[in-house]
Protein backbone atom coordinates (compact mmCIF):
# COMPACT_ATOMS: atom_id res chain seq x y z
CA MET A 1 102.15 56.75 86.14
CA PRO A 2 105.63 57.98 87.15
CA LYS A 3 105.90 61.08 89.30
CA GLU A 4 106.99 64.22 87.42
CA SER A 5 110.33 65.71 88.29
CA PHE A 6 110.47 68.87 90.36
CA LEU A 7 111.73 70.85 87.35
CA VAL A 8 108.95 69.64 85.04
CA ASN A 9 106.39 70.42 87.73
CA ARG A 10 107.76 73.97 88.18
CA ILE A 11 107.76 74.58 84.42
CA LYS A 12 104.12 73.49 84.22
CA SER A 13 103.25 75.74 87.18
CA VAL A 14 104.83 78.73 85.48
CA GLY A 15 102.83 77.90 82.35
CA PHE A 16 99.58 77.83 84.32
CA ALA A 17 100.46 81.12 86.02
CA PHE A 18 101.27 82.75 82.66
CA LYS A 19 97.97 81.48 81.25
CA GLY A 20 96.16 82.95 84.28
CA ALA A 21 97.85 86.34 83.84
CA ILE A 22 96.88 86.43 80.15
CA LEU A 23 93.28 85.44 80.98
CA LEU A 24 93.14 88.17 83.61
CA ILE A 25 94.39 90.83 81.20
CA ARG A 26 92.12 89.67 78.37
CA THR A 27 88.91 89.38 80.40
CA GLU A 28 88.98 92.07 83.10
CA ALA A 29 88.42 95.73 82.23
CA SER A 30 89.97 97.03 85.45
CA ILE A 31 93.21 95.14 84.80
CA LYS A 32 93.34 96.48 81.24
CA ILE A 33 93.16 100.02 82.64
CA GLN A 34 95.78 99.24 85.29
CA VAL A 35 98.14 97.66 82.73
CA PHE A 36 97.72 100.78 80.56
CA ILE A 37 98.58 102.98 83.56
CA ALA A 38 101.57 100.72 84.34
CA ILE A 39 102.85 101.18 80.77
CA ILE A 40 102.44 104.98 81.04
CA MET A 41 104.25 105.02 84.40
CA THR A 42 107.04 102.86 83.01
CA ALA A 43 107.45 105.26 80.09
CA ALA A 44 107.44 108.16 82.57
CA GLY A 45 110.21 106.41 84.51
CA PHE A 46 112.38 106.33 81.40
CA TYR A 47 111.46 109.90 80.44
CA PHE A 48 112.28 111.33 83.87
CA ASP A 49 115.28 109.01 84.34
CA ILE A 50 114.20 107.91 87.81
CA SER A 51 116.74 106.39 90.21
CA HIS A 52 117.22 102.69 90.91
CA THR A 53 115.38 103.08 94.22
CA GLU A 54 112.50 104.87 92.49
CA TRP A 55 112.34 102.05 89.92
CA ILE A 56 112.18 99.48 92.70
CA LEU A 57 109.35 101.35 94.42
CA GLN A 58 107.48 101.89 91.15
CA ILE A 59 107.79 98.25 90.06
CA PHE A 60 106.71 97.09 93.51
CA ALA A 61 103.70 99.44 93.45
CA ILE A 62 102.64 98.28 89.98
CA ALA A 63 103.05 94.61 90.94
CA MET A 64 101.03 95.10 94.13
CA VAL A 65 98.13 96.74 92.31
CA LEU A 66 98.05 94.13 89.55
CA GLY A 67 98.52 91.23 91.97
CA ILE A 68 95.85 92.36 94.42
CA GLU A 69 93.50 93.11 91.53
CA GLY A 70 94.06 89.55 90.32
CA MET A 71 93.24 88.20 93.77
CA ASN A 72 90.15 90.42 93.91
CA THR A 73 89.00 89.02 90.58
CA ALA A 74 89.55 85.47 91.83
CA VAL A 75 87.56 86.18 95.01
CA GLU A 76 84.71 87.67 92.97
CA LYS A 77 84.65 84.73 90.52
CA ILE A 78 84.63 82.17 93.36
CA ALA A 79 81.93 84.10 95.22
CA ASP A 80 79.77 84.32 92.08
CA TYR A 81 80.27 80.60 91.45
CA ILE A 82 79.31 79.67 95.02
CA GLN A 83 76.35 82.03 95.17
CA PRO A 84 75.15 83.39 91.80
CA GLU A 85 72.21 85.21 93.40
CA PHE A 86 72.56 88.36 95.49
CA ASP A 87 73.68 87.55 99.02
CA VAL A 88 74.59 90.06 101.73
CA LYS A 89 77.44 87.90 103.07
CA ILE A 90 78.92 87.40 99.58
CA GLY A 91 78.58 91.15 98.97
CA PHE A 92 80.49 91.80 102.20
CA ILE A 93 83.31 89.49 101.08
CA LYS A 94 83.47 91.10 97.64
CA ASP A 95 83.49 94.61 99.17
CA ILE A 96 86.42 93.71 101.42
CA SER A 97 88.31 92.32 98.44
CA ALA A 98 87.64 95.48 96.42
CA GLY A 99 88.68 97.56 99.43
CA ALA A 100 92.07 95.83 99.44
CA VAL A 101 92.56 96.89 95.81
CA MET A 102 91.61 100.45 96.71
CA LEU A 103 94.11 100.61 99.60
CA VAL A 104 96.98 99.35 97.43
CA SER A 105 95.96 101.72 94.64
CA ILE A 106 95.99 104.70 97.01
CA ALA A 107 99.43 103.72 98.33
CA SER A 108 100.70 103.29 94.76
CA THR A 109 99.34 106.69 93.78
CA ILE A 110 101.14 108.26 96.72
CA ILE A 111 104.38 106.53 95.67
CA GLY A 112 103.90 107.88 92.14
CA LEU A 113 103.30 111.39 93.46
CA ILE A 114 106.40 111.23 95.67
CA ILE A 115 108.50 110.12 92.68
CA TYR A 116 107.08 112.37 89.95
CA LEU A 117 105.75 115.58 91.52
CA PRO A 118 109.24 116.97 92.27
CA LYS A 119 110.34 116.12 88.73
CA ILE A 120 107.27 117.72 87.16
CA LEU A 121 107.37 120.82 89.33
């Protein structure tokens, strides 16, 4: 079987990544909530006419939350696959992964407050 070209391989990789993002949004309640919040914050950005720098920070914050949440979901799914029964060590791993989501979410909330509180007040 001939080796696929670099371009074909990249196109397939993007397809797999897109499929993964859709699966994540369709199957995970926390991501659905975060996507909803991202849509609201994007609308707020247009409403308050935020600067280019504020857009960059907001997009980065949204991407970090969604990306880390995706990684957290992957860690949880792998952990559940490896050990379906309760296990203290697996619980520790899952708690650390959830903690990473929390830290990014807190930082993103602070970014949102820095951007929008002055505009609201």
